Amino acid sequence: MSMRDKHIPQRTCIACRQKKDKKDLIRLVCTGSGVVELDLSARKPGRGAYLCARKNCWEEGFKGNRLEHALRTKFSDDNRQTLINYGNSLGGRS
């Protein structure tokens, strides 16, 4: 198998529902303690969900509890605010 034939993992953003290369998305993971963290290495154990690195996808992910549903957990107020602040620091509305 040549380098051109190498499989590139695809994941779906839970906000915009677009399939993208895994490396182009940001993974959020629900740890065993129930805290949701950024998983920039995409290797932490736990239930994960993916969002585009765009502010509008993060806003959409928090609407209607999409992230909570995908991660099968409830956010604490502090945890939710930390993730929203990270999303607000992202650029892009497209």
PDB file of N, CA and C in Angstrom:
ATOM      1  N   MET A   1       0.842  -1.173   0.000  1.00  0.00           N
ATOM      2  CA  MET A   1       0.000   0.000   0.000  1.00  0.00           C
ATOM      3  C   MET A   1       0.894   1.244   0.000  1.00  0.00           C
ATOM      4  N   SER A   2       0.707   2.119  -0.934  1.00  0.00           N
ATOM      5  CA  SER A   2       1.523   3.319  -1.026  1.00  0.00           C
ATOM      6  C   SER A   2       0.992   4.392  -0.080  1.00  0.00           C
ATOM      7  N   MET A   3       1.773   5.447   0.103  1.00  0.00           N
ATOM      8  CA  MET A   3       1.357   6.534   0.991  1.00  0.00           C
ATOM      9  C   MET A   3       0.077   7.219   0.496  1.00  0.00           C
ATOM     10  N   ARG A   4      -0.134   7.265  -0.798  1.00  0.00           N
ATOM     11  CA  ARG A   4      -1.340   7.910  -1.326  1.00  0.00           C
ATOM     12  C   ARG A   4      -2.598   7.132  -0.985  1.00  0.00           C
ATOM     13  N   ASP A   5      -2.461   5.837  -0.749  1.00  0.00           N
ATOM     14  CA  ASP A   5      -3.623   4.998  -0.457  1.00  0.00           C
ATOM     15  C   ASP A   5      -3.947   4.917   1.028  1.00  0.00           C
ATOM     16  N   LYS A   6      -3.192   5.623   1.862  1.00  0.00           N
ATOM     17  CA  LYS A   6      -3.396   5.532   3.300  1.00  0.00           C
ATOM     18  C   LYS A   6      -4.783   6.045   3.684  1.00  0.00           C
ATOM     19  N   HIS A   7      -5.445   5.276   4.515  1.00  0.00           N
ATOM     20  CA  HIS A   7      -6.784   5.642   4.986  1.00  0.00           C
ATOM     21  C   HIS A   7      -6.704   6.842   5.916  1.00  0.00           C
ATOM     22  N   ILE A   8      -7.539   7.838   5.689  1.00  0.00           N
ATOM     23  CA  ILE A   8      -7.626   9.012   6.557  1.00  0.00           C
ATOM     24  C   ILE A   8      -8.964   8.942   7.286  1.00  0.00           C
ATOM     25  N   PRO A   9      -8.921   8.810   8.623  1.00  0.00           N
ATOM     26  CA  PRO A   9     -10.171   8.697   9.380  1.00  0.00           C
ATOM     27  C   PRO A   9     -11.057   9.927   9.220  1.00  0.00           C
ATOM     28  N   GLN A  10     -12.344   9.686   9.081  1.00  0.00           N
ATOM     29  CA  GLN A  10     -13.344  10.742   8.940  1.00  0.00           C
ATOM     30  C   GLN A  10     -14.236  10.751  10.184  1.00  0.00           C
ATOM     31  N   ARG A  11     -14.642  11.930  10.596  1.00  0.00           N
ATOM     32  CA  ARG A  11     -15.589  12.083  11.691  1.00  0.00           C
ATOM     33  C   ARG A  11     -16.606  13.144  11.293  1.00  0.00           C
ATOM     34  N   THR A  12     -17.734  13.186  11.994  1.00  0.00           N
ATOM     35  CA  THR A  12     -18.804  14.123  11.695  1.00  0.00           C
ATOM     36  C   THR A  12     -18.927  15.137  12.816  1.00  0.00           C
ATOM     37  N   CYS A  13     -18.970  16.409  12.453  1.00  0.00           N
ATOM     38  CA  CYS A  13     -19.209  17.481  13.422  1.00  0.00           C
ATOM     39  C   CYS A  13     -20.660  17.349  13.892  1.00  0.00           C
ATOM     40  N   ILE A  14     -20.874  17.360  15.201  1.00  0.00           N
ATOM     41  CA  ILE A  14     -22.244  17.182  15.693  1.00  0.00           C
ATOM     42  C   ILE A  14     -23.096  18.422  15.503  1.00  0.00           C
ATOM     43  N   ALA A  15     -22.485  19.552  15.146  1.00  0.00           N
ATOM     44  CA  ALA A  15     -23.256  20.779  14.925  1.00  0.00           C
ATOM     45  C   ALA A  15     -23.677  20.922  13.470  1.00  0.00           C
ATOM     46  N   CYS A  16     -22.705  20.942  12.553  1.00  0.00           N
ATOM     47  CA  CYS A  16     -23.036  21.186  11.141  1.00  0.00           C
ATOM     48  C   CYS A  16     -23.240  19.896  10.355  1.00  0.00           C
ATOM     49  N   ARG A  17     -22.952  18.748  10.973  1.00  0.00           N
ATOM     50  CA  ARG A  17     -23.152  17.420  10.385  1.00  0.00           C
ATOM     51  C   ARG A  17     -22.294  17.179   9.139  1.00  0.00           C
ATOM     52  N   GLN A  18     -21.206  17.923   8.960  1.00  0.00           N
ATOM     53  CA  GLN A  18     -20.305  17.709   7.831  1.00  0.00           C
ATOM     54  C   GLN A  18     -19.238  16.694   8.208  1.00  0.00           C
ATOM     55  N   LYS A  19     -18.953  15.786   7.288  1.00  0.00           N
ATOM     56  CA  LYS A  19     -17.870  14.827   7.487  1.00  0.00           C
ATOM     57  C   LYS A  19     -16.569  15.500   7.109  1.00  0.00           C
ATOM     58  N   LYS A  20     -15.589  15.378   7.988  1.00  0.00           N
ATOM     59  CA  LYS A  20     -14.280  15.976   7.748  1.00  0.00           C
ATOM     60  C   LYS A  20     -13.212  15.020   8.246  1.00  0.00           C
ATOM     61  N   ASP A  21     -11.975  15.301   7.837  1.00  0.00           N
ATOM     62  CA  ASP A  21     -10.858  14.526   8.363  1.00  0.00           C
ATOM     63  C   ASP A  21     -10.817  14.708   9.873  1.00  0.00           C
ATOM     64  N   LYS A  22     -10.529  13.631  10.579  1.00  0.00           N
ATOM     65  CA  LYS A  22     -10.499  13.647  12.032  1.00  0.00           C
ATOM     66  C   LYS A  22      -9.563  14.737  12.566  1.00  0.00           C
ATOM     67  N   LYS A  23      -8.441  14.940  11.895  1.00  0.00           N
ATOM     68  CA  LYS A  23      -7.455  15.917  12.353  1.00  0.00           C
ATOM     69  C   LYS A  23      -7.945  17.358  12.221  1.00  0.00           C
ATOM     70  N   ASP A  24      -8.995  17.587  11.446  1.00  0.00           N
ATOM     71  CA  ASP A  24      -9.525  18.936  11.245  1.00  0.00           C
ATOM     72  C   ASP A  24     -10.627  19.294  12.240  1.00  0.00           C
ATOM     73  N   LEU A  25     -10.974  18.366  13.107  1.00  0.00           N
ATOM     74  CA  LEU A  25     -12.032  18.595  14.092  1.00  0.00           C
ATOM     75  C   LEU A  25     -11.440  18.594  15.499  1.00  0.00           C
ATOM     76  N   ILE A  26     -12.177  19.168  16.444  1.00  0.00           N
ATOM     77  CA  ILE A  26     -11.768  19.185  17.840  1.00  0.00           C
ATOM     78  C   ILE A  26     -12.619  18.174  18.587  1.00  0.00           C
ATOM     79  N   ARG A  27     -11.942  17.280  19.313  1.00  0.00           N
ATOM     80  CA  ARG A  27     -12.659  16.246  20.062  1.00  0.00           C
ATOM     81  C   ARG A  27     -12.893  16.715  21.493  1.00  0.00           C
ATOM     82  N   LEU A  28     -14.095  16.495  21.952  1.00  0.00           N
ATOM     83  CA  LEU A  28     -14.440  16.687  23.352  1.00  0.00           C
ATOM     84  C   LEU A  28     -14.670  15.307  23.929  1.00  0.00           C
ATOM     85  N   VAL A  29     -14.195  15.075  25.138  1.00  0.00           N
ATOM     86  CA  VAL A  29     -14.323  13.756  25.738  1.00  0.00           C
ATOM     87  C   VAL A  29     -14.913  13.879  27.129  1.00  0.00           C
ATOM     88  N   CYS A  30     -15.809  12.956  27.451  1.00  0.00           N
ATOM     89  CA  CYS A  30     -16.384  12.872  28.791  1.00  0.00           C
ATOM     90  C   CYS A  30     -15.541  11.870  29.577  1.00  0.00           C
ATOM     91  N   THR A  31     -14.847  12.355  30.592  1.00  0.00           N
ATOM     92  CA  THR A  31     -13.973  11.489  31.378  1.00  0.00           C
ATOM     93  C   THR A  31     -14.806  10.644  32.326  1.00  0.00           C
ATOM     94  N   GLY A  32     -14.163   9.715  32.965  1.00  0.00           N
ATOM     95  CA  GLY A  32     -14.845   8.833  33.905  1.00  0.00           C
ATOM     96  C   GLY A  32     -15.487   9.574  35.059  1.00  0.00           C
ATOM     97  N   SER A  33     -14.952  10.749  35.401  1.00  0.00           N
ATOM     98  CA  SER A  33     -15.504  11.539  36.509  1.00  0.00           C
ATOM     99  C   SER A  33     -16.681  12.406  36.071  1.00  0.00           C
ATOM    100  N   GLY A  34     -17.036  12.354  34.780  1.00  0.00           N
ATOM    101  CA  GLY A  34     -18.176  13.105  34.277  1.00  0.00           C
ATOM    102  C   GLY A  34     -17.848  14.511  33.809  1.00  0.00           C
ATOM    103  N   VAL A  35     -16.566  14.882  33.840  1.00  0.00           N
ATOM    104  CA  VAL A  35     -16.134  16.201  33.376  1.00  0.00           C
ATOM    105  C   VAL A  35     -15.841  16.110  31.883  1.00  0.00           C
ATOM    106  N   VAL A  36     -16.275  17.108  31.139  1.00  0.00           N
ATOM    107  CA  VAL A  36     -16.023  17.150  29.695  1.00  0.00           C
ATOM    108  C   VAL A  36     -14.801  18.026  29.455  1.00  0.00           C
ATOM    109  N   GLU A  37     -13.830  17.473  28.713  1.00  0.00           N
ATOM    110  CA  GLU A  37     -12.578  18.178  28.455  1.00  0.00           C
ATOM    111  C   GLU A  37     -12.304  18.218  26.963  1.00  0.00           C
ATOM    112  N   LEU A  38     -11.455  19.183  26.569  1.00  0.00           N
ATOM    113  CA  LEU A  38     -10.924  19.191  25.214  1.00  0.00           C
ATOM    114  C   LEU A  38      -9.927  18.052  25.106  1.00  0.00           C
ATOM    115  N   ASP A  39      -9.935  17.381  24.002  1.00  0.00           N
ATOM    116  CA  ASP A  39      -8.988  16.299  23.760  1.00  0.00           C
ATOM    117  C   ASP A  39      -8.260  16.601  22.457  1.00  0.00           C
ATOM    118  N   LEU A  40      -7.292  17.504  22.537  1.00  0.00           N
ATOM    119  CA  LEU A  40      -6.594  17.942  21.339  1.00  0.00           C
ATOM    120  C   LEU A  40      -5.735  16.837  20.736  1.00  0.00           C
ATOM    121  N   SER A  41      -5.329  15.855  21.552  1.00  0.00           N
ATOM    122  CA  SER A  41      -4.553  14.727  21.029  1.00  0.00           C
ATOM    123  C   SER A  41      -5.462  13.669  20.408  1.00  0.00           C
ATOM    124  N   ALA A  42      -6.762  13.736  20.694  1.00  0.00           N
ATOM    125  CA  ALA A  42      -7.778  12.787  20.212  1.00  0.00           C
ATOM    126  C   ALA A  42      -7.459  11.355  20.621  1.00  0.00           C
ATOM    127  N   ARG A  43      -6.859  11.201  21.792  1.00  0.00           N
ATOM    128  CA  ARG A  43      -6.490   9.867  22.269  1.00  0.00           C
ATOM    129  C   ARG A  43      -6.947   9.562  23.699  1.00  0.00           C
ATOM    130  N   LYS A  44      -7.567  10.515  24.372  1.00  0.00           N
ATOM    131  CA  LYS A  44      -7.988  10.281  25.751  1.00  0.00           C
ATOM    132  C   LYS A  44      -9.111   9.252  25.788  1.00  0.00           C
ATOM    133  N   PRO A  45      -9.135   8.423  26.828  1.00  0.00           N
ATOM    134  CA  PRO A  45     -10.224   7.452  26.946  1.00  0.00           C
ATOM    135  C   PRO A  45     -11.517   8.137  27.380  1.00  0.00           C
ATOM    136  N   GLY A  46     -12.617   7.609  26.932  1.00  0.00           N
ATOM    137  CA  GLY A  46     -13.922   8.154  27.292  1.00  0.00           C
ATOM    138  C   GLY A  46     -14.762   8.382  26.055  1.00  0.00           C
ATOM    139  N   ARG A  47     -15.998   8.711  26.281  1.00  0.00           N
ATOM    140  CA  ARG A  47     -16.923   8.964  25.171  1.00  0.00           C
ATOM    141  C   ARG A  47     -16.602  10.308  24.542  1.00  0.00           C
ATOM    142  N   GLY A  48     -16.471  10.335  23.234  1.00  0.00           N
ATOM    143  CA  GLY A  48     -16.070  11.554  22.542  1.00  0.00           C
ATOM    144  C   GLY A  48     -17.107  12.056  21.561  1.00  0.00           C
ATOM    145  N   ALA A  49     -16.997  13.333  21.248  1.00  0.00           N
ATOM    146  CA  ALA A  49     -17.812  13.986  20.227  1.00  0.00           C
ATOM    147  C   ALA A  49     -16.922  15.009  19.540  1.00  0.00           C
ATOM    148  N   TYR A  50     -17.233  15.303  18.288  1.00  0.00           N
ATOM    149  CA  TYR A  50     -16.387  16.186  17.489  1.00  0.00           C
ATOM    150  C   TYR A  50     -17.134  17.443  17.058  1.00  0.00           C
ATOM    151  N   LEU A  51     -16.395  18.570  17.090  1.00  0.00           N
ATOM    152  CA  LEU A  51     -16.906  19.843  16.612  1.00  0.00           C
ATOM    153  C   LEU A  51     -15.866  20.472  15.696  1.00  0.00           C
ATOM    154  N   CYS A  52     -16.344  21.212  14.704  1.00  0.00           N
ATOM    155  CA  CYS A  52     -15.438  21.982  13.846  1.00  0.00           C
ATOM    156  C   CYS A  52     -14.765  23.058  14.696  1.00  0.00           C
ATOM    157  N   ALA A  53     -13.649  23.535  14.228  1.00  0.00           N
ATOM    158  CA  ALA A  53     -12.928  24.609  14.925  1.00  0.00           C
ATOM    159  C   ALA A  53     -13.473  25.965  14.478  1.00  0.00           C
ATOM    160  N   ARG A  54     -14.801  26.100  14.496  1.00  0.00           N
ATOM    161  CA  ARG A  54     -15.460  27.343  14.107  1.00  0.00           C
ATOM    162  C   ARG A  54     -16.428  27.748  15.215  1.00  0.00           C
ATOM    163  N   LYS A  55     -16.478  29.031  15.466  1.00  0.00           N
ATOM    164  CA  LYS A  55     -17.305  29.548  16.556  1.00  0.00           C
ATOM    165  C   LYS A  55     -18.776  29.163  16.401  1.00  0.00           C
ATOM    166  N   ASN A  56     -19.296  29.246  15.168  1.00  0.00           N
ATOM    167  CA  ASN A  56     -20.726  28.952  15.002  1.00  0.00           C
ATOM    168  C   ASN A  56     -21.047  27.477  15.260  1.00  0.00           C
ATOM    169  N   CYS A  57     -20.124  26.577  14.974  1.00  0.00           N
ATOM    170  CA  CYS A  57     -20.367  25.157  15.283  1.00  0.00           C
ATOM    171  C   CYS A  57     -20.387  24.943  16.793  1.00  0.00           C
ATOM    172  N   TRP A  58     -19.528  25.652  17.529  1.00  0.00           N
ATOM    173  CA  TRP A  58     -19.535  25.528  18.983  1.00  0.00           C
ATOM    174  C   TRP A  58     -20.834  26.077  19.563  1.00  0.00           C
ATOM    175  N   GLU A  59     -21.293  27.203  19.029  1.00  0.00           N
ATOM    176  CA  GLU A  59     -22.556  27.764  19.505  1.00  0.00           C
ATOM    177  C   GLU A  59     -23.704  26.795  19.236  1.00  0.00           C
ATOM    178  N   GLU A  60     -23.713  26.207  18.050  1.00  0.00           N
ATOM    179  CA  GLU A  60     -24.760  25.260  17.668  1.00  0.00           C
ATOM    180  C   GLU A  60     -24.687  23.990  18.523  1.00  0.00           C
ATOM    181  N   GLY A  61     -23.476  23.569  18.860  1.00  0.00           N
ATOM    182  CA  GLY A  61     -23.293  22.370  19.678  1.00  0.00           C
ATOM    183  C   GLY A  61     -23.887  22.504  21.072  1.00  0.00           C
ATOM    184  N   PHE A  62     -23.902  23.730  21.593  1.00  0.00           N
ATOM    185  CA  PHE A  62     -24.453  23.944  22.926  1.00  0.00           C
ATOM    186  C   PHE A  62     -25.940  24.248  22.906  1.00  0.00           C
ATOM    187  N   LYS A  63     -26.485  24.541  21.727  1.00  0.00           N
ATOM    188  CA  LYS A  63     -27.933  24.774  21.626  1.00  0.00           C
ATOM    189  C   LYS A  63     -28.654  23.436  21.726  1.00  0.00           C
ATOM    190  N   GLY A  64     -29.742  23.431  22.431  1.00  0.00           N
ATOM    191  CA  GLY A  64     -30.556  22.226  22.502  1.00  0.00           C
ATOM    192  C   GLY A  64     -29.838  21.028  23.099  1.00  0.00           C
ATOM    193  N   ASN A  65     -28.768  21.283  23.823  1.00  0.00           N
ATOM    194  CA  ASN A  65     -28.019  20.227  24.522  1.00  0.00           C
ATOM    195  C   ASN A  65     -27.486  19.134  23.596  1.00  0.00           C
ATOM    196  N   ARG A  66     -27.116  19.491  22.379  1.00  0.00           N
ATOM    197  CA  ARG A  66     -26.564  18.500  21.446  1.00  0.00           C
ATOM    198  C   ARG A  66     -25.340  17.804  22.013  1.00  0.00           C
ATOM    199  N   LEU A  67     -24.432  18.601  22.602  1.00  0.00           N
ATOM    200  CA  LEU A  67     -23.216  18.011  23.164  1.00  0.00           C
ATOM    201  C   LEU A  67     -23.536  17.088  24.329  1.00  0.00           C
ATOM    202  N   GLU A  68     -24.413  17.517  25.200  1.00  0.00           N
ATOM    203  CA  GLU A  68     -24.790  16.678  26.338  1.00  0.00           C
ATOM    204  C   GLU A  68     -25.381  15.359  25.858  1.00  0.00           C
ATOM    205  N   HIS A  69     -26.204  15.428  24.835  1.00  0.00           N
ATOM    206  CA  HIS A  69     -26.813  14.218  24.293  1.00  0.00           C
ATOM    207  C   HIS A  69     -25.745  13.307  23.665  1.00  0.00           C
ATOM    208  N   ALA A  70     -24.856  13.882  22.879  1.00  0.00           N
ATOM    209  CA  ALA A  70     -23.821  13.089  22.201  1.00  0.00           C
ATOM    210  C   ALA A  70     -22.857  12.457  23.198  1.00  0.00           C
ATOM    211  N   LEU A  71     -22.554  13.172  24.281  1.00  0.00           N
ATOM    212  CA  LEU A  71     -21.612  12.666  25.276  1.00  0.00           C
ATOM    213  C   LEU A  71     -22.298  11.896  26.397  1.00  0.00           C
ATOM    214  N   ARG A  72     -23.626  11.891  26.376  1.00  0.00           N
ATOM    215  CA  ARG A  72     -24.422  11.182  27.388  1.00  0.00           C
ATOM    216  C   ARG A  72     -24.066  11.623  28.808  1.00  0.00           C
ATOM    217  N   THR A  73     -24.045  12.938  29.001  1.00  0.00           N
ATOM    218  CA  THR A  73     -23.726  13.494  30.309  1.00  0.00           C
ATOM    219  C   THR A  73     -24.424  14.832  30.467  1.00  0.00           C
ATOM    220  N   LYS A  74     -24.369  15.385  31.662  1.00  0.00           N
ATOM    221  CA  LYS A  74     -24.862  16.740  31.931  1.00  0.00           C
ATOM    222  C   LYS A  74     -23.652  17.581  32.327  1.00  0.00           C
ATOM    223  N   PHE A  75     -23.578  18.801  31.774  1.00  0.00           N
ATOM    224  CA  PHE A  75     -22.483  19.701  32.108  1.00  0.00           C
ATOM    225  C   PHE A  75     -22.758  20.408  33.426  1.00  0.00           C
ATOM    226  N   SER A  76     -21.701  20.589  34.225  1.00  0.00           N
ATOM    227  CA  SER A  76     -21.818  21.496  35.364  1.00  0.00           C
ATOM    228  C   SER A  76     -21.743  22.912  34.784  1.00  0.00           C
ATOM    229  N   ASP A  77     -22.182  23.900  35.551  1.00  0.00           N
ATOM    230  CA  ASP A  77     -22.150  25.281  35.058  1.00  0.00           C
ATOM    231  C   ASP A  77     -20.725  25.712  34.729  1.00  0.00           C
ATOM    232  N   ASP A  78     -19.767  25.363  35.600  1.00  0.00           N
ATOM    233  CA  ASP A  78     -18.368  25.731  35.365  1.00  0.00           C
ATOM    234  C   ASP A  78     -17.824  25.059  34.115  1.00  0.00           C
ATOM    235  N   ASN A  79     -18.120  23.782  33.962  1.00  0.00           N
ATOM    236  CA  ASN A  79     -17.631  23.024  32.810  1.00  0.00           C
ATOM    237  C   ASN A  79     -18.198  23.606  31.513  1.00  0.00           C
ATOM    238  N   ARG A  80     -19.486  23.900  31.511  1.00  0.00           N
ATOM    239  CA  ARG A  80     -20.142  24.484  30.336  1.00  0.00           C
ATOM    240  C   ARG A  80     -19.499  25.830  29.988  1.00  0.00           C
ATOM    241  N   GLN A  81     -19.288  26.688  30.990  1.00  0.00           N
ATOM    242  CA  GLN A  81     -18.735  28.019  30.740  1.00  0.00           C
ATOM    243  C   GLN A  81     -17.297  27.937  30.210  1.00  0.00           C
ATOM    244  N   THR A  82     -16.515  27.014  30.724  1.00  0.00           N
ATOM    245  CA  THR A  82     -15.140  26.829  30.244  1.00  0.00           C
ATOM    246  C   THR A  82     -15.136  26.465  28.768  1.00  0.00           C
ATOM    247  N   LEU A  83     -15.995  25.545  28.379  1.00  0.00           N
ATOM    248  CA  LEU A  83     -16.054  25.115  26.978  1.00  0.00           C
ATOM    249  C   LEU A  83     -16.616  26.217  26.080  1.00  0.00           C
ATOM    250  N   ILE A  84     -17.606  26.951  26.555  1.00  0.00           N
ATOM    251  CA  ILE A  84     -18.161  28.061  25.774  1.00  0.00           C
ATOM    252  C   ILE A  84     -17.095  29.134  25.563  1.00  0.00           C
ATOM    253  N   ASN A  85     -16.314  29.420  26.604  1.00  0.00           N
ATOM    254  CA  ASN A  85     -15.228  30.410  26.475  1.00  0.00           C
ATOM    255  C   ASN A  85     -14.217  29.964  25.430  1.00  0.00           C
ATOM    256  N   TYR A  86     -13.895  28.669  25.406  1.00  0.00           N
ATOM    257  CA  TYR A  86     -12.972  28.173  24.391  1.00  0.00           C
ATOM    258  C   TYR A  86     -13.571  28.365  23.000  1.00  0.00           C
ATOM    259  N   GLY A  87     -14.835  28.029  22.846  1.00  0.00           N
ATOM    260  CA  GLY A  87     -15.512  28.197  21.574  1.00  0.00           C
ATOM    261  C   GLY A  87     -15.557  29.649  21.112  1.00  0.00           C
ATOM    262  N   ASN A  88     -15.734  30.562  22.073  1.00  0.00           N
ATOM    263  CA  ASN A  88     -15.767  31.983  21.738  1.00  0.00           C
ATOM    264  C   ASN A  88     -14.399  32.489  21.285  1.00  0.00           C
ATOM    265  N   SER A  89     -13.335  31.812  21.682  1.00  0.00           N
ATOM    266  CA  SER A  89     -11.996  32.233  21.275  1.00  0.00           C
ATOM    267  C   SER A  89     -11.677  31.793  19.843  1.00  0.00           C
ATOM    268  N   LEU A  90     -12.513  30.924  19.293  1.00  0.00           N
ATOM    269  CA  LEU A  90     -12.299  30.454  17.922  1.00  0.00           C
ATOM    270  C   LEU A  90     -12.810  31.489  16.936  1.00  0.00           C
ATOM    271  N   GLY A  91     -12.226  31.491  15.763  1.00  0.00           N
ATOM    272  CA  GLY A  91     -12.692  32.410  14.722  1.00  0.00           C
ATOM    273  C   GLY A  91     -13.592  31.674  13.755  1.00  0.00           C
ATOM    274  N   GLY A  92     -13.994  32.368  12.747  1.00  0.00           N
ATOM    275  CA  GLY A  92     -14.730  31.738  11.651  1.00  0.00           C
ATOM    276  C   GLY A  92     -16.209  31.593  11.891  1.00  0.00           C
ATOM    277  N   ARG A  93     -16.954  32.045  10.952  1.00  0.00           N
ATOM    278  CA  ARG A  93     -18.408  31.883  10.999  1.00  0.00           C
ATOM    279  C   ARG A  93     -18.898  31.120   9.791  1.00  0.00           C
ATOM    280  N   SER A  94     -17.989  30.686   8.942  1.00  0.00           N
ATOM    281  CA  SER A  94     -18.417  30.022   7.711  1.00  0.00           C
ATOM    282  C   SER A  94     -18.629  28.552   7.902  1.00  0.00           C
TER     283      SER A  94
END
